[in-house]
Amino acid sequence: MIYRIGPAGLEAKMLETLGVKKTSDSGSFAEIFQKAVASQLSATNELIRGADQKGIDFALGKTDDIAEVMAAQEVASASLQFTVQLRNSFLEAYNEIMRLQV
């Protein structure tokens, strides 16, 4: 697939990657991008906190379902890995833009 080169093409691709649908009243790209990143960080944080709490509950004997505890930890781990990869991609894109000669 070929993407249009330019601010509008980059914006459309970034929104598609983040799973955000832009409407006419949704604001600027910066606002949408900031909301998407904040949402991803918040979701990852909640998954990690939930997995930690399930681990604590298991250690205290409040639950005996180790499969549920392990599944929650794996989901939290996968979400954290995705968030880190997303961060790495953003840094790589930023560095590439900074290397452009004007």
PDB file of N, CA and C in Angstrom:
ATOM      1  N   MET A   1       0.839  -1.169   0.000  1.00  0.00           N
ATOM      2  CA  MET A   1       0.000   0.000   0.000  1.00  0.00           C
ATOM      3  C   MET A   1       0.887   1.237   0.000  1.00  0.00           C
ATOM      4  N   ILE A   2       0.524   2.224  -0.789  1.00  0.00           N
ATOM      5  CA  ILE A   2       1.293   3.457  -0.899  1.00  0.00           C
ATOM      6  C   ILE A   2       0.547   4.549  -0.148  1.00  0.00           C
ATOM      7  N   TYR A   3       1.282   5.249   0.712  1.00  0.00           N
ATOM      8  CA  TYR A   3       0.698   6.338   1.478  1.00  0.00           C
ATOM      9  C   TYR A   3       1.185   7.665   0.929  1.00  0.00           C
ATOM     10  N   ARG A   4       0.313   8.627   0.963  1.00  0.00           N
ATOM     11  CA  ARG A   4       0.669   9.952   0.499  1.00  0.00           C
ATOM     12  C   ARG A   4       1.724  10.539   1.420  1.00  0.00           C
ATOM     13  N   ILE A   5       2.741  11.126   0.847  1.00  0.00           N
ATOM     14  CA  ILE A   5       3.788  11.751   1.642  1.00  0.00           C
ATOM     15  C   ILE A   5       3.374  13.194   1.899  1.00  0.00           C
ATOM     16  N   GLY A   6       3.432  13.575   3.127  1.00  0.00           N
ATOM     17  CA  GLY A   6       3.053  14.925   3.512  1.00  0.00           C
ATOM     18  C   GLY A   6       2.311  14.883   4.825  1.00  0.00           C
ATOM     19  N   PRO A   7       2.047  16.042   5.402  1.00  0.00           N
ATOM     20  CA  PRO A   7       1.406  16.088   6.722  1.00  0.00           C
ATOM     21  C   PRO A   7       0.056  15.387   6.775  1.00  0.00           C
ATOM     22  N   ALA A   8      -0.763  15.552   5.746  1.00  0.00           N
ATOM     23  CA  ALA A   8      -2.087  14.926   5.773  1.00  0.00           C
ATOM     24  C   ALA A   8      -1.970  13.406   5.685  1.00  0.00           C
ATOM     25  N   GLY A   9      -1.064  12.909   4.851  1.00  0.00           N
ATOM     26  CA  GLY A   9      -0.870  11.472   4.726  1.00  0.00           C
ATOM     27  C   GLY A   9      -0.313  10.865   5.996  1.00  0.00           C
ATOM     28  N   LEU A  10       0.643  11.553   6.622  1.00  0.00           N
ATOM     29  CA  LEU A  10       1.207  11.066   7.881  1.00  0.00           C
ATOM     30  C   LEU A  10       0.159  11.067   8.986  1.00  0.00           C
ATOM     31  N   GLU A  11      -0.651  12.113   9.010  1.00  0.00           N
ATOM     32  CA  GLU A  11      -1.701  12.204  10.020  1.00  0.00           C
ATOM     33  C   GLU A  11      -2.698  11.064   9.864  1.00  0.00           C
ATOM     34  N   ALA A  12      -3.116  10.797   8.639  1.00  0.00           N
ATOM     35  CA  ALA A  12      -4.077   9.733   8.395  1.00  0.00           C
ATOM     36  C   ALA A  12      -3.513   8.376   8.788  1.00  0.00           C
ATOM     37  N   LYS A  13      -2.246   8.121   8.449  1.00  0.00           N
ATOM     38  CA  LYS A  13      -1.618   6.845   8.781  1.00  0.00           C
ATOM     39  C   LYS A  13      -1.468   6.689  10.291  1.00  0.00           C
ATOM     40  N   MET A  14      -1.074   7.755  10.986  1.00  0.00           N
ATOM     41  CA  MET A  14      -0.910   7.696  12.441  1.00  0.00           C
ATOM     42  C   MET A  14      -2.256   7.438  13.114  1.00  0.00           C
ATOM     43  N   LEU A  15      -3.292   8.118  12.653  1.00  0.00           N
ATOM     44  CA  LEU A  15      -4.615   7.911  13.237  1.00  0.00           C
ATOM     45  C   LEU A  15      -5.089   6.483  12.994  1.00  0.00           C
ATOM     46  N   GLU A  16      -4.813   5.962  11.797  1.00  0.00           N
ATOM     47  CA  GLU A  16      -5.199   4.585  11.484  1.00  0.00           C
ATOM     48  C   GLU A  16      -4.451   3.605  12.387  1.00  0.00           C
ATOM     49  N   THR A  17      -3.161   3.843  12.592  1.00  0.00           N
ATOM     50  CA  THR A  17      -2.338   2.977  13.427  1.00  0.00           C
ATOM     51  C   THR A  17      -2.823   2.983  14.872  1.00  0.00           C
ATOM     52  N   LEU A  18      -3.198   4.157  15.363  1.00  0.00           N
ATOM     53  CA  LEU A  18      -3.661   4.285  16.744  1.00  0.00           C
ATOM     54  C   LEU A  18      -5.120   3.864  16.913  1.00  0.00           C
ATOM     55  N   GLY A  19      -5.809   3.623  15.811  1.00  0.00           N
ATOM     56  CA  GLY A  19      -7.196   3.191  15.891  1.00  0.00           C
ATOM     57  C   GLY A  19      -8.152   4.315  16.254  1.00  0.00           C
ATOM     58  N   VAL A  20      -7.816   5.537  15.858  1.00  0.00           N
ATOM     59  CA  VAL A  20      -8.636   6.696  16.180  1.00  0.00           C
ATOM     60  C   VAL A  20      -9.323   7.164  14.910  1.00  0.00           C
ATOM     61  N   LYS A  21     -10.623   7.388  14.991  1.00  0.00           N
ATOM     62  CA  LYS A  21     -11.350   7.917  13.850  1.00  0.00           C
ATOM     63  C   LYS A  21     -11.536   9.414  14.049  1.00  0.00           C
ATOM     64  N   LYS A  22     -11.088  10.176  13.076  1.00  0.00           N
ATOM     65  CA  LYS A  22     -11.163  11.629  13.183  1.00  0.00           C
ATOM     66  C   LYS A  22     -12.490  12.113  12.615  1.00  0.00           C
ATOM     67  N   THR A  23     -13.175  12.919  13.407  1.00  0.00           N
ATOM     68  CA  THR A  23     -14.399  13.549  12.949  1.00  0.00           C
ATOM     69  C   THR A  23     -14.127  15.039  12.781  1.00  0.00           C
ATOM     70  N   SER A  24     -15.053  15.733  12.192  1.00  0.00           N
ATOM     71  CA  SER A  24     -14.816  17.150  11.912  1.00  0.00           C
ATOM     72  C   SER A  24     -14.685  17.986  13.186  1.00  0.00           C
ATOM     73  N   ASP A  25     -15.277  17.565  14.281  1.00  0.00           N
ATOM     74  CA  ASP A  25     -15.214  18.342  15.524  1.00  0.00           C
ATOM     75  C   ASP A  25     -14.281  17.719  16.558  1.00  0.00           C
ATOM     76  N   SER A  26     -13.401  16.819  16.143  1.00  0.00           N
ATOM     77  CA  SER A  26     -12.564  16.114  17.109  1.00  0.00           C
ATOM     78  C   SER A  26     -11.303  16.870  17.495  1.00  0.00           C
ATOM     79  N   GLY A  27     -10.969  17.960  16.837  1.00  0.00           N
ATOM     80  CA  GLY A  27      -9.815  18.754  17.221  1.00  0.00           C
ATOM     81  C   GLY A  27      -8.630  18.518  16.314  1.00  0.00           C
ATOM     82  N   SER A  28      -7.513  19.112  16.710  1.00  0.00           N
ATOM     83  CA  SER A  28      -6.307  19.022  15.902  1.00  0.00           C
ATOM     84  C   SER A  28      -5.646  17.657  16.057  1.00  0.00           C
ATOM     85  N   PHE A  29      -4.703  17.401  15.177  1.00  0.00           N
ATOM     86  CA  PHE A  29      -3.978  16.135  15.231  1.00  0.00           C
ATOM     87  C   PHE A  29      -3.234  15.997  16.550  1.00  0.00           C
ATOM     88  N   ALA A  30      -2.641  17.071  17.022  1.00  0.00           N
ATOM     89  CA  ALA A  30      -1.893  17.030  18.283  1.00  0.00           C
ATOM     90  C   ALA A  30      -2.788  16.617  19.442  1.00  0.00           C
ATOM     91  N   GLU A  31      -4.008  17.147  19.475  1.00  0.00           N
ATOM     92  CA  GLU A  31      -4.944  16.795  20.548  1.00  0.00           C
ATOM     93  C   GLU A  31      -5.357  15.327  20.453  1.00  0.00           C
ATOM     94  N   ILE A  32      -5.652  14.878  19.251  1.00  0.00           N
ATOM     95  CA  ILE A  32      -6.065  13.488  19.043  1.00  0.00           C
ATOM     96  C   ILE A  32      -4.916  12.554  19.413  1.00  0.00           C
ATOM     97  N   PHE A  33      -3.715  12.894  18.965  1.00  0.00           N
ATOM     98  CA  PHE A  33      -2.539  12.081  19.251  1.00  0.00           C
ATOM     99  C   PHE A  33      -2.284  12.012  20.758  1.00  0.00           C
ATOM    100  N   GLN A  34      -2.372  13.145  21.417  1.00  0.00           N
ATOM    101  CA  GLN A  34      -2.154  13.190  22.859  1.00  0.00           C
ATOM    102  C   GLN A  34      -3.191  12.338  23.596  1.00  0.00           C
ATOM    103  N   LYS A  35      -4.434  12.414  23.191  1.00  0.00           N
ATOM    104  CA  LYS A  35      -5.486  11.610  23.816  1.00  0.00           C
ATOM    105  C   LYS A  35      -5.247  10.116  23.590  1.00  0.00           C
ATOM    106  N   ALA A  36      -4.824   9.756  22.382  1.00  0.00           N
ATOM    107  CA  ALA A  36      -4.586   8.344  22.070  1.00  0.00           C
ATOM    108  C   ALA A  36      -3.430   7.792  22.895  1.00  0.00           C
ATOM    109  N   VAL A  37      -2.349   8.555  23.014  1.00  0.00           N
ATOM    110  CA  VAL A  37      -1.201   8.107  23.793  1.00  0.00           C
ATOM    111  C   VAL A  37      -1.578   8.014  25.271  1.00  0.00           C
ATOM    112  N   ALA A  38      -2.270   9.020  25.777  1.00  0.00           N
ATOM    113  CA  ALA A  38      -2.696   9.000  27.183  1.00  0.00           C
ATOM    114  C   ALA A  38      -3.622   7.824  27.448  1.00  0.00           C
ATOM    115  N   SER A  39      -4.492   7.526  26.510  1.00  0.00           N
ATOM    116  CA  SER A  39      -5.403   6.395  26.658  1.00  0.00           C
ATOM    117  C   SER A  39      -4.646   5.078  26.711  1.00  0.00           C
ATOM    118  N   GLN A  40      -3.641   4.925  25.831  1.00  0.00           N
ATOM    119  CA  GLN A  40      -2.833   3.699  25.817  1.00  0.00           C
ATOM    120  C   GLN A  40      -2.067   3.542  27.125  1.00  0.00           C
ATOM    121  N   LEU A  41      -1.471   4.619  27.608  1.00  0.00           N
ATOM    122  CA  LEU A  41      -0.721   4.557  28.864  1.00  0.00           C
ATOM    123  C   LEU A  41      -1.644   4.236  30.038  1.00  0.00           C
ATOM    124  N   SER A  42      -2.810   4.835  30.035  1.00  0.00           N
ATOM    125  CA  SER A  42      -3.776   4.581  31.109  1.00  0.00           C
ATOM    126  C   SER A  42      -4.247   3.128  31.099  1.00  0.00           C
ATOM    127  N   ALA A  43      -4.537   2.610  29.912  1.00  0.00           N
ATOM    128  CA  ALA A  43      -4.996   1.223  29.809  1.00  0.00           C
ATOM    129  C   ALA A  43      -3.899   0.256  30.259  1.00  0.00           C
ATOM    130  N   THR A  44      -2.665   0.527  29.862  1.00  0.00           N
ATOM    131  CA  THR A  44      -1.546  -0.328  30.275  1.00  0.00           C
ATOM    132  C   THR A  44      -1.362  -0.281  31.779  1.00  0.00           C
ATOM    133  N   ASN A  45      -1.451   0.908  32.345  1.00  0.00           N
ATOM    134  CA  ASN A  45      -1.308   1.059  33.795  1.00  0.00           C
ATOM    135  C   ASN A  45      -2.397   0.295  34.539  1.00  0.00           C
ATOM    136  N   GLU A  46      -3.619   0.366  34.061  1.00  0.00           N
ATOM    137  CA  GLU A  46      -4.722  -0.351  34.715  1.00  0.00           C
ATOM    138  C   GLU A  46      -4.534  -1.862  34.624  1.00  0.00           C
ATOM    139  N   LEU A  47      -4.061  -2.350  33.485  1.00  0.00           N
ATOM    140  CA  LEU A  47      -3.813  -3.788  33.349  1.00  0.00           C
ATOM    141  C   LEU A  47      -2.721  -4.262  34.305  1.00  0.00           C
ATOM    142  N   ILE A  48      -1.668  -3.454  34.441  1.00  0.00           N
ATOM    143  CA  ILE A  48      -0.581  -3.818  35.354  1.00  0.00           C
ATOM    144  C   ILE A  48      -1.068  -3.804  36.793  1.00  0.00           C
ATOM    145  N   ARG A  49      -1.822  -2.780  37.160  1.00  0.00           N
ATOM    146  CA  ARG A  49      -2.357  -2.712  38.524  1.00  0.00           C
ATOM    147  C   ARG A  49      -3.296  -3.890  38.819  1.00  0.00           C
ATOM    148  N   GLY A  50      -4.146  -4.223  37.853  1.00  0.00           N
ATOM    149  CA  GLY A  50      -5.053  -5.352  38.030  1.00  0.00           C
ATOM    150  C   GLY A  50      -4.305  -6.665  38.196  1.00  0.00           C
ATOM    151  N   ALA A  51      -3.263  -6.865  37.397  1.00  0.00           N
ATOM    152  CA  ALA A  51      -2.464  -8.093  37.492  1.00  0.00           C
ATOM    153  C   ALA A  51      -1.741  -8.151  38.836  1.00  0.00           C
ATOM    154  N   ASP A  52      -1.207  -7.010  39.274  1.00  0.00           N
ATOM    155  CA  ASP A  52      -0.544  -6.966  40.583  1.00  0.00           C
ATOM    156  C   ASP A  52      -1.517  -7.307  41.706  1.00  0.00           C
ATOM    157  N   GLN A  53      -2.720  -6.765  41.617  1.00  0.00           N
ATOM    158  CA  GLN A  53      -3.718  -7.031  42.662  1.00  0.00           C
ATOM    159  C   GLN A  53      -4.123  -8.501  42.673  1.00  0.00           C
ATOM    160  N   LYS A  54      -4.254  -9.101  41.499  1.00  0.00           N
ATOM    161  CA  LYS A  54      -4.592 -10.527  41.442  1.00  0.00           C
ATOM    162  C   LYS A  54      -3.475 -11.374  42.029  1.00  0.00           C
ATOM    163  N   GLY A  55      -2.219 -10.968  41.788  1.00  0.00           N
ATOM    164  CA  GLY A  55      -1.085 -11.666  42.381  1.00  0.00           C
ATOM    165  C   GLY A  55      -1.076 -11.552  43.894  1.00  0.00           C
ATOM    166  N   ILE A  56      -1.390 -10.374  44.389  1.00  0.00           N
ATOM    167  CA  ILE A  56      -1.464 -10.161  45.845  1.00  0.00           C
ATOM    168  C   ILE A  56      -2.595 -10.990  46.440  1.00  0.00           C
ATOM    169  N   ASP A  57      -3.750 -10.978  45.774  1.00  0.00           N
ATOM    170  CA  ASP A  57      -4.891 -11.771  46.259  1.00  0.00           C
ATOM    171  C   ASP A  57      -4.542 -13.248  46.295  1.00  0.00           C
ATOM    172  N   PHE A  58      -3.817 -13.725  45.292  1.00  0.00           N
ATOM    173  CA  PHE A  58      -3.420 -15.130  45.271  1.00  0.00           C
ATOM    174  C   PHE A  58      -2.450 -15.424  46.418  1.00  0.00           C
ATOM    175  N   ALA A  59      -1.500 -14.526  46.640  1.00  0.00           N
ATOM    176  CA  ALA A  59      -0.517 -14.722  47.713  1.00  0.00           C
ATOM    177  C   ALA A  59      -1.174 -14.711  49.096  1.00  0.00           C
ATOM    178  N   LEU A  60      -2.235 -13.935  49.236  1.00  0.00           N
ATOM    179  CA  LEU A  60      -2.934 -13.852  50.518  1.00  0.00           C
ATOM    180  C   LEU A  60      -3.980 -14.956  50.689  1.00  0.00           C
ATOM    181  N   GLY A  61      -4.186 -15.739  49.655  1.00  0.00           N
ATOM    182  CA  GLY A  61      -5.139 -16.838  49.745  1.00  0.00           C
ATOM    183  C   GLY A  61      -6.576 -16.433  49.460  1.00  0.00           C
ATOM    184  N   LYS A  62      -6.796 -15.238  48.944  1.00  0.00           N
ATOM    185  CA  LYS A  62      -8.149 -14.777  48.636  1.00  0.00           C
ATOM    186  C   LYS A  62      -8.704 -15.453  47.384  1.00  0.00           C
ATOM    187  N   THR A  63      -7.810 -15.949  46.536  1.00  0.00           N
ATOM    188  CA  THR A  63      -8.218 -16.679  45.345  1.00  0.00           C
ATOM    189  C   THR A  63      -7.261 -17.852  45.153  1.00  0.00           C
ATOM    190  N   ASP A  64      -7.753 -18.887  44.509  1.00  0.00           N
ATOM    191  CA  ASP A  64      -6.887 -20.043  44.276  1.00  0.00           C
ATOM    192  C   ASP A  64      -6.779 -20.368  42.781  1.00  0.00           C
ATOM    193  N   ASP A  65      -7.223 -19.441  41.939  1.00  0.00           N
ATOM    194  CA  ASP A  65      -7.193 -19.656  40.493  1.00  0.00           C
ATOM    195  C   ASP A  65      -5.892 -19.088  39.915  1.00  0.00           C
ATOM    196  N   ILE A  66      -4.867 -19.925  39.885  1.00  0.00           N
ATOM    197  CA  ILE A  66      -3.563 -19.487  39.385  1.00  0.00           C
ATOM    198  C   ILE A  66      -3.605 -19.178  37.895  1.00  0.00           C
ATOM    199  N   ALA A  67      -4.483 -19.846  37.169  1.00  0.00           N
ATOM    200  CA  ALA A  67      -4.592 -19.606  35.724  1.00  0.00           C
ATOM    201  C   ALA A  67      -5.047 -18.169  35.452  1.00  0.00           C
ATOM    202  N   GLU A  68      -5.992 -17.691  36.239  1.00  0.00           N
ATOM    203  CA  GLU A  68      -6.485 -16.319  36.075  1.00  0.00           C
ATOM    204  C   GLU A  68      -5.377 -15.307  36.403  1.00  0.00           C
ATOM    205  N   VAL A  69      -4.618 -15.603  37.446  1.00  0.00           N
ATOM    206  CA  VAL A  69      -3.511 -14.724  37.842  1.00  0.00           C
ATOM    207  C   VAL A  69      -2.464 -14.669  36.732  1.00  0.00           C
ATOM    208  N   MET A  70      -2.086 -15.812  36.217  1.00  0.00           N
ATOM    209  CA  MET A  70      -1.070 -15.867  35.161  1.00  0.00           C
ATOM    210  C   MET A  70      -1.570 -15.207  33.874  1.00  0.00           C
ATOM    211  N   ALA A  71      -2.834 -15.414  33.551  1.00  0.00           N
ATOM    212  CA  ALA A  71      -3.399 -14.793  32.349  1.00  0.00           C
ATOM    213  C   ALA A  71      -3.385 -13.270  32.475  1.00  0.00           C
ATOM    214  N   ALA A  72      -3.749 -12.754  33.629  1.00  0.00           N
ATOM    215  CA  ALA A  72      -3.736 -11.305  33.853  1.00  0.00           C
ATOM    216  C   ALA A  72      -2.318 -10.753  33.746  1.00  0.00           C
ATOM    217  N   GLN A  73      -1.352 -11.487  34.269  1.00  0.00           N
ATOM    218  CA  GLN A  73       0.033 -11.038  34.189  1.00  0.00           C
ATOM    219  C   GLN A  73       0.551 -11.057  32.756  1.00  0.00           C
ATOM    220  N   GLU A  74       0.154 -12.055  31.982  1.00  0.00           N
ATOM    221  CA  GLU A  74       0.580 -12.128  30.584  1.00  0.00           C
ATOM    222  C   GLU A  74      -0.043 -11.002  29.757  1.00  0.00           C
ATOM    223  N   VAL A  75      -1.305 -10.716  29.999  1.00  0.00           N
ATOM    224  CA  VAL A  75      -1.967  -9.624  29.282  1.00  0.00           C
ATOM    225  C   VAL A  75      -1.297  -8.295  29.626  1.00  0.00           C
ATOM    226  N   ALA A  76      -1.011  -8.084  30.902  1.00  0.00           N
ATOM    227  CA  ALA A  76      -0.334  -6.856  31.322  1.00  0.00           C
ATOM    228  C   ALA A  76       1.056  -6.762  30.710  1.00  0.00           C
ATOM    229  N   SER A  77       1.761  -7.869  30.654  1.00  0.00           N
ATOM    230  CA  SER A  77       3.095  -7.889  30.066  1.00  0.00           C
ATOM    231  C   SER A  77       3.044  -7.573  28.575  1.00  0.00           C
ATOM    232  N   ALA A  78       2.092  -8.151  27.868  1.00  0.00           N
ATOM    233  CA  ALA A  78       1.947  -7.890  26.433  1.00  0.00           C
ATOM    234  C   ALA A  78       1.594  -6.423  26.179  1.00  0.00           C
ATOM    235  N   SER A  79       0.733  -5.871  27.002  1.00  0.00           N
ATOM    236  CA  SER A  79       0.358  -4.467  26.867  1.00  0.00           C
ATOM    237  C   SER A  79       1.552  -3.556  27.120  1.00  0.00           C
ATOM    238  N   LEU A  80       2.356  -3.882  28.107  1.00  0.00           N
ATOM    239  CA  LEU A  80       3.552  -3.092  28.399  1.00  0.00           C
ATOM    240  C   LEU A  80       4.551  -3.187  27.248  1.00  0.00           C
ATOM    241  N   GLN A  81       4.732  -4.375  26.698  1.00  0.00           N
ATOM    242  CA  GLN A  81       5.643  -4.528  25.563  1.00  0.00           C
ATOM    243  C   GLN A  81       5.165  -3.721  24.361  1.00  0.00           C
ATOM    244  N   PHE A  82       3.860  -3.724  24.123  1.00  0.00           N
ATOM    245  CA  PHE A  82       3.298  -2.944  23.024  1.00  0.00           C
ATOM    246  C   PHE A  82       3.539  -1.457  23.253  1.00  0.00           C
ATOM    247  N   THR A  83       3.325  -0.995  24.472  1.00  0.00           N
ATOM    248  CA  THR A  83       3.522   0.418  24.796  1.00  0.00           C
ATOM    249  C   THR A  83       4.982   0.824  24.612  1.00  0.00           C
ATOM    250  N   VAL A  84       5.894  -0.027  25.023  1.00  0.00           N
ATOM    251  CA  VAL A  84       7.320   0.263  24.854  1.00  0.00           C
ATOM    252  C   VAL A  84       7.676   0.302  23.367  1.00  0.00           C
ATOM    253  N   GLN A  85       7.150  -0.623  22.579  1.00  0.00           N
ATOM    254  CA  GLN A  85       7.409  -0.620  21.141  1.00  0.00           C
ATOM    255  C   GLN A  85       6.821   0.620  20.474  1.00  0.00           C
ATOM    256  N   LEU A  86       5.664   1.057  20.950  1.00  0.00           N
ATOM    257  CA  LEU A  86       5.041   2.271  20.442  1.00  0.00           C
ATOM    258  C   LEU A  86       5.930   3.473  20.742  1.00  0.00           C
ATOM    259  N   ARG A  87       6.456   3.527  21.943  1.00  0.00           N
ATOM    260  CA  ARG A  87       7.378   4.595  22.346  1.00  0.00           C
ATOM    261  C   ARG A  87       8.624   4.576  21.464  1.00  0.00           C
ATOM    262  N   ASN A  88       9.176   3.391  21.241  1.00  0.00           N
ATOM    263  CA  ASN A  88      10.367   3.274  20.403  1.00  0.00           C
ATOM    264  C   ASN A  88      10.094   3.750  18.977  1.00  0.00           C
ATOM    265  N   SER A  89       8.919   3.430  18.469  1.00  0.00           N
ATOM    266  CA  SER A  89       8.557   3.871  17.119  1.00  0.00           C
ATOM    267  C   SER A  89       8.427   5.387  17.056  1.00  0.00           C
ATOM    268  N   PHE A  90       7.837   5.985  18.078  1.00  0.00           N
ATOM    269  CA  PHE A  90       7.704   7.439  18.115  1.00  0.00           C
ATOM    270  C   PHE A  90       9.074   8.109  18.175  1.00  0.00           C
ATOM    271  N   LEU A  91       9.962   7.573  18.996  1.00  0.00           N
ATOM    272  CA  LEU A  91      11.306   8.141  19.097  1.00  0.00           C
ATOM    273  C   LEU A  91      12.069   7.996  17.786  1.00  0.00           C
ATOM    274  N   GLU A  92      11.908   6.865  17.139  1.00  0.00           N
ATOM    275  CA  GLU A  92      12.564   6.650  15.853  1.00  0.00           C
ATOM    276  C   GLU A  92      12.036   7.630  14.803  1.00  0.00           C
ATOM    277  N   ALA A  93      10.729   7.840  14.785  1.00  0.00           N
ATOM    278  CA  ALA A  93      10.133   8.790  13.841  1.00  0.00           C
ATOM    279  C   ALA A  93      10.610  10.209  14.143  1.00  0.00           C
ATOM    280  N   TYR A  94      10.662  10.570  15.411  1.00  0.00           N
ATOM    281  CA  TYR A  94      11.136  11.895  15.802  1.00  0.00           C
ATOM    282  C   TYR A  94      12.584  12.094  15.367  1.00  0.00           C
ATOM    283  N   ASN A  95      13.419  11.118  15.626  1.00  0.00           N
ATOM    284  CA  ASN A  95      14.826  11.223  15.235  1.00  0.00           C
ATOM    285  C   ASN A  95      14.981  11.317  13.724  1.00  0.00           C
ATOM    286  N   GLU A  96      14.160  10.594  13.002  1.00  0.00           N
ATOM    287  CA  GLU A  96      14.203  10.663  11.534  1.00  0.00           C
ATOM    288  C   GLU A  96      13.807  12.056  11.045  1.00  0.00           C
ATOM    289  N   ILE A  97      12.804  12.636  11.656  1.00  0.00           N
ATOM    290  CA  ILE A  97      12.387  14.002  11.289  1.00  0.00           C
ATOM    291  C   ILE A  97      13.497  14.990  11.614  1.00  0.00           C
ATOM    292  N   MET A  98      14.162  14.814  12.740  1.00  0.00           N
ATOM    293  CA  MET A  98      15.239  15.723  13.125  1.00  0.00           C
ATOM    294  C   MET A  98      16.437  15.619  12.178  1.00  0.00           C
ATOM    295  N   ARG A  99      16.609  14.475  11.526  1.00  0.00           N
ATOM    296  CA  ARG A  99      17.721  14.305  10.582  1.00  0.00           C
ATOM    297  C   ARG A  99      17.427  14.886   9.203  1.00  0.00           C
ATOM    298  N   LEU A 100      16.176  15.238   8.953  1.00  0.00           N
ATOM    299  CA  LEU A 100      15.821  15.819   7.654  1.00  0.00           C
ATOM    300  C   LEU A 100      16.520  17.159   7.477  1.00  0.00           C
ATOM    301  N   GLN A 101      17.003  17.383   6.265  1.00  0.00           N
ATOM    302  CA  GLN A 101      17.633  18.653   5.968  1.00  0.00           C
ATOM    303  C   GLN A 101      16.603  19.549   5.279  1.00  0.00           C
ATOM    304  N   VAL A 102      16.570  20.767   5.717  1.00  0.00           N
ATOM    305  CA  VAL A 102      15.585  21.687   5.154  1.00  0.00           C
ATOM    306  C   VAL A 102      16.205  22.615   4.157  1.00  0.00           C
TER     307      VAL A 102
END
